[in-house]
Amino acid sequence: MTLSIGNAQLLQAELDETGLGFFRLSVHGSIKYLTIGRNVFSTTEMAFGPSLRSLLPEFPPGDWNDGLIVKDKSTGKPYFARAVRNTFPSVKNQWHEYSVDYSDIQVGKWLRTGIYEAQCPFDTVVVAKFARFHW
């Protein structure tokens, strides 16, 4: 059984000068990191979330969080060449005592790149900063 990507939420997108795409998505409450290989989609297609989502192959089943999409040499269609479970870098030295999982917040108003108002288990609106890590 494949995962439906119809309600995937794009959290972060980066395109490098060589044509690689790096994406962080929330899919059914799980964070998925996708790398899209060169020449799979155009930069324009990858830069627009709704367009990209419609072009992606079905997500493979299983407990994975790190996927690589490349183009099949015989058919020319994109497919998952890798879907594995990895441990990614994380914040090592918190400057405060609280940490809230992304799945426990509701992102609100955009304040700056990677910084938003958010609703979470606290009694008030908070400011959430999303750390950027290379994967």
C-alpha atoms as a PDB file:
ATOM      1  CA  MET A   1       0.000   0.000   0.000  1.00  0.00           C
ATOM      2  CA  THR A   2       1.375   3.405  -0.965  1.00  0.00           C
ATOM      3  CA  LEU A   3       1.072   6.635   0.996  1.00  0.00           C
ATOM      4  CA  SER A   4      -1.280   9.236  -0.414  1.00  0.00           C
ATOM      5  CA  ILE A   5       0.536  12.486  -1.126  1.00  0.00           C
ATOM      6  CA  GLY A   6      -2.659  14.409  -1.766  1.00  0.00           C
ATOM      7  CA  ASN A   7      -2.439  16.198   1.565  1.00  0.00           C
ATOM      8  CA  ALA A   8       1.360  16.494   1.750  1.00  0.00           C
ATOM      9  CA  GLN A   9       2.373  19.864   3.155  1.00  0.00           C
ATOM     10  CA  LEU A  10       5.564  21.402   1.781  1.00  0.00           C
ATOM     11  CA  LEU A  11       7.619  22.690   4.727  1.00  0.00           C
ATOM     12  CA  GLN A  12      10.882  23.598   3.013  1.00  0.00           C
ATOM     13  CA  ALA A  13      12.210  23.610  -0.529  1.00  0.00           C
ATOM     14  CA  GLU A  14      15.698  24.273  -1.829  1.00  0.00           C
ATOM     15  CA  LEU A  15      17.020  24.036  -5.358  1.00  0.00           C
ATOM     16  CA  ASP A  16      20.741  24.125  -5.993  1.00  0.00           C
ATOM     17  CA  GLU A  17      22.607  25.406  -9.030  1.00  0.00           C
ATOM     18  CA  THR A  18      23.206  21.868 -10.328  1.00  0.00           C
ATOM     19  CA  GLY A  19      19.506  21.013 -10.570  1.00  0.00           C
ATOM     20  CA  LEU A  20      19.127  18.970  -7.386  1.00  0.00           C
ATOM     21  CA  GLY A  21      16.023  19.607  -5.298  1.00  0.00           C
ATOM     22  CA  PHE A  22      15.770  19.182  -1.528  1.00  0.00           C
ATOM     23  CA  PHE A  23      12.331  19.080   0.075  1.00  0.00           C
ATOM     24  CA  ARG A  24      10.942  18.611   3.570  1.00  0.00           C
ATOM     25  CA  LEU A  25       7.290  17.538   3.651  1.00  0.00           C
ATOM     26  CA  SER A  26       4.751  16.658   6.301  1.00  0.00           C
ATOM     27  CA  VAL A  27       2.752  13.613   5.194  1.00  0.00           C
ATOM     28  CA  HIS A  28       0.085  12.250   7.530  1.00  0.00           C
ATOM     29  CA  GLY A  29       1.942  13.692  10.532  1.00  0.00           C
ATOM     30  CA  SER A  30       5.352  12.308   9.522  1.00  0.00           C
ATOM     31  CA  ILE A  31       8.252  14.369   8.214  1.00  0.00           C
ATOM     32  CA  LYS A  32       9.686  13.119   4.923  1.00  0.00           C
ATOM     33  CA  TYR A  33      12.918  14.418   3.382  1.00  0.00           C
ATOM     34  CA  LEU A  34      13.081  14.118  -0.401  1.00  0.00           C
ATOM     35  CA  THR A  35      16.005  14.655  -2.697  1.00  0.00           C
ATOM     36  CA  ILE A  36      15.059  14.944  -6.358  1.00  0.00           C
ATOM     37  CA  GLY A  37      17.843  14.129  -8.785  1.00  0.00           C
ATOM     38  CA  ARG A  38      19.036  16.253 -11.666  1.00  0.00           C
ATOM     39  CA  ASN A  39      16.868  16.461 -14.794  1.00  0.00           C
ATOM     40  CA  VAL A  40      13.874  14.745 -13.203  1.00  0.00           C
ATOM     41  CA  PHE A  41      11.762  17.922 -13.193  1.00  0.00           C
ATOM     42  CA  SER A  42      12.436  21.466 -14.340  1.00  0.00           C
ATOM     43  CA  THR A  43      13.412  24.117 -11.809  1.00  0.00           C
ATOM     44  CA  THR A  44      10.077  25.819 -12.465  1.00  0.00           C
ATOM     45  CA  GLU A  45       8.153  22.631 -11.686  1.00  0.00           C
ATOM     46  CA  MET A  46      10.103  22.049  -8.481  1.00  0.00           C
ATOM     47  CA  ALA A  47       9.775  25.660  -7.320  1.00  0.00           C
ATOM     48  CA  PHE A  48       5.963  25.574  -7.224  1.00  0.00           C
ATOM     49  CA  GLY A  49       4.675  23.227  -4.503  1.00  0.00           C
ATOM     50  CA  PRO A  50       1.229  22.366  -5.936  1.00  0.00           C
ATOM     51  CA  SER A  51       2.733  21.601  -9.345  1.00  0.00           C
ATOM     52  CA  LEU A  52       5.492  19.476  -7.847  1.00  0.00           C
ATOM     53  CA  ARG A  53       3.124  17.444  -5.707  1.00  0.00           C
ATOM     54  CA  SER A  54       1.119  16.416  -8.775  1.00  0.00           C
ATOM     55  CA  LEU A  55       4.307  15.222 -10.535  1.00  0.00           C
ATOM     56  CA  LEU A  56       5.735  13.099  -7.720  1.00  0.00           C
ATOM     57  CA  PRO A  57       5.504   9.314  -7.929  1.00  0.00           C
ATOM     58  CA  GLU A  58       3.428   7.526  -5.303  1.00  0.00           C
ATOM     59  CA  PHE A  59       5.198   7.380  -1.980  1.00  0.00           C
ATOM     60  CA  PRO A  60       6.432   3.910  -1.057  1.00  0.00           C
ATOM     61  CA  PRO A  61       5.020   2.151   2.000  1.00  0.00           C
ATOM     62  CA  GLY A  62       6.966   1.674   5.201  1.00  0.00           C
ATOM     63  CA  ASP A  63       8.561   3.694   7.947  1.00  0.00           C
ATOM     64  CA  TRP A  64      10.940   5.812   5.879  1.00  0.00           C
ATOM     65  CA  ASN A  65      11.905   9.458   6.192  1.00  0.00           C
ATOM     66  CA  ASP A  66      14.623   9.856   3.537  1.00  0.00           C
ATOM     67  CA  GLY A  67      13.728   9.402  -0.114  1.00  0.00           C
ATOM     68  CA  LEU A  68      15.540   9.868  -3.403  1.00  0.00           C
ATOM     69  CA  ILE A  69      13.600  10.358  -6.627  1.00  0.00           C
ATOM     70  CA  VAL A  70      15.377   9.845  -9.947  1.00  0.00           C
ATOM     71  CA  LYS A  71      14.326   9.278 -13.534  1.00  0.00           C
ATOM     72  CA  ASP A  72      13.999   5.694 -14.784  1.00  0.00           C
ATOM     73  CA  LYS A  73      16.438   5.351 -17.702  1.00  0.00           C
ATOM     74  CA  SER A  74      14.151   3.082 -19.718  1.00  0.00           C
ATOM     75  CA  THR A  75      10.783   4.810 -19.193  1.00  0.00           C
ATOM     76  CA  GLY A  76      11.861   8.362 -18.374  1.00  0.00           C
ATOM     77  CA  LYS A  77       9.422   8.397 -15.442  1.00  0.00           C
ATOM     78  CA  PRO A  78      10.359   9.464 -11.912  1.00  0.00           C
ATOM     79  CA  TYR A  79      10.567   6.757  -9.254  1.00  0.00           C
ATOM     80  CA  PHE A  80      11.874   6.260  -5.722  1.00  0.00           C
ATOM     81  CA  ALA A  81      15.407   4.884  -5.975  1.00  0.00           C
ATOM     82  CA  ARG A  82      15.699   5.008  -2.186  1.00  0.00           C
ATOM     83  CA  ALA A  83      13.294   5.178   0.757  1.00  0.00           C
ATOM     84  CA  VAL A  84      15.078   4.508   4.057  1.00  0.00           C
ATOM     85  CA  ARG A  85      14.920   5.508   7.705  1.00  0.00           C
ATOM     86  CA  ASN A  86      17.740   7.857   8.763  1.00  0.00           C
ATOM     87  CA  THR A  87      18.617   9.868  11.832  1.00  0.00           C
ATOM     88  CA  PHE A  88      19.084  13.478  10.825  1.00  0.00           C
ATOM     89  CA  PRO A  89      20.991  16.274  12.548  1.00  0.00           C
ATOM     90  CA  SER A  90      19.074  18.056  15.269  1.00  0.00           C
ATOM     91  CA  VAL A  91      19.488  20.845  17.766  1.00  0.00           C
ATOM     92  CA  LYS A  92      22.097  19.715  20.295  1.00  0.00           C
ATOM     93  CA  ASN A  93      22.206  22.642  22.718  1.00  0.00           C
ATOM     94  CA  GLN A  94      18.809  24.132  23.476  1.00  0.00           C
ATOM     95  CA  TRP A  95      18.913  27.575  25.020  1.00  0.00           C
ATOM     96  CA  HIS A  96      15.644  26.957  26.876  1.00  0.00           C
ATOM     97  CA  GLU A  97      13.959  24.037  28.612  1.00  0.00           C
ATOM     98  CA  TYR A  98      11.082  23.449  26.171  1.00  0.00           C
ATOM     99  CA  SER A  99      11.009  21.601  22.899  1.00  0.00           C
ATOM    100  CA  VAL A 100       7.798  20.991  20.960  1.00  0.00           C
ATOM    101  CA  ASP A 101       7.436  18.476  18.141  1.00  0.00           C
ATOM    102  CA  TYR A 102       6.278  19.899  14.814  1.00  0.00           C
ATOM    103  CA  SER A 103       3.249  17.596  14.822  1.00  0.00           C
ATOM    104  CA  ASP A 104       2.056  19.261  18.063  1.00  0.00           C
ATOM    105  CA  ILE A 105       1.810  22.793  16.663  1.00  0.00           C
ATOM    106  CA  GLN A 106      -0.403  24.718  14.296  1.00  0.00           C
ATOM    107  CA  VAL A 107       1.629  27.128  12.216  1.00  0.00           C
ATOM    108  CA  GLY A 108       0.128  30.592  12.016  1.00  0.00           C
ATOM    109  CA  LYS A 109       1.222  33.944  10.644  1.00  0.00           C
ATOM    110  CA  TRP A 110       4.525  34.133   8.735  1.00  0.00           C
ATOM    111  CA  LEU A 111       6.943  36.531  10.446  1.00  0.00           C
ATOM    112  CA  ARG A 112      10.224  35.925   8.591  1.00  0.00           C
ATOM    113  CA  THR A 113      11.851  33.096   6.679  1.00  0.00           C
ATOM    114  CA  GLY A 114      11.558  30.031   8.896  1.00  0.00           C
ATOM    115  CA  ILE A 115       9.876  32.006  11.700  1.00  0.00           C
ATOM    116  CA  TYR A 116       6.136  31.868  12.399  1.00  0.00           C
ATOM    117  CA  GLU A 117       3.538  32.487  15.034  1.00  0.00           C
ATOM    118  CA  ALA A 118       2.307  29.125  16.286  1.00  0.00           C
ATOM    119  CA  GLN A 119      -0.293  27.526  18.521  1.00  0.00           C
ATOM    120  CA  CYS A 120       0.994  24.681  20.655  1.00  0.00           C
ATOM    121  CA  PRO A 121       0.321  23.018  24.018  1.00  0.00           C
ATOM    122  CA  PHE A 122       1.126  26.299  25.830  1.00  0.00           C
ATOM    123  CA  ASP A 123      -1.600  28.748  26.875  1.00  0.00           C
ATOM    124  CA  THR A 124      -0.475  31.478  24.498  1.00  0.00           C
ATOM    125  CA  VAL A 125       0.649  32.026  20.931  1.00  0.00           C
ATOM    126  CA  VAL A 126       4.392  31.469  20.585  1.00  0.00           C
ATOM    127  CA  VAL A 127       7.049  32.237  18.002  1.00  0.00           C
ATOM    128  CA  ALA A 128       8.390  29.102  16.314  1.00  0.00           C
ATOM    129  CA  LYS A 129      11.716  29.041  14.519  1.00  0.00           C
ATOM    130  CA  PHE A 130      12.368  26.109  12.256  1.00  0.00           C
ATOM    131  CA  ALA A 131      16.005  25.118  12.117  1.00  0.00           C
ATOM    132  CA  ARG A 132      17.502  24.400   8.721  1.00  0.00           C
ATOM    133  CA  PHE A 133      19.690  21.311   8.492  1.00  0.00           C
ATOM    134  CA  HIS A 134      21.484  19.801   5.544  1.00  0.00           C
ATOM    135  CA  TRP A 135      20.328  16.278   4.757  1.00  0.00           C
END
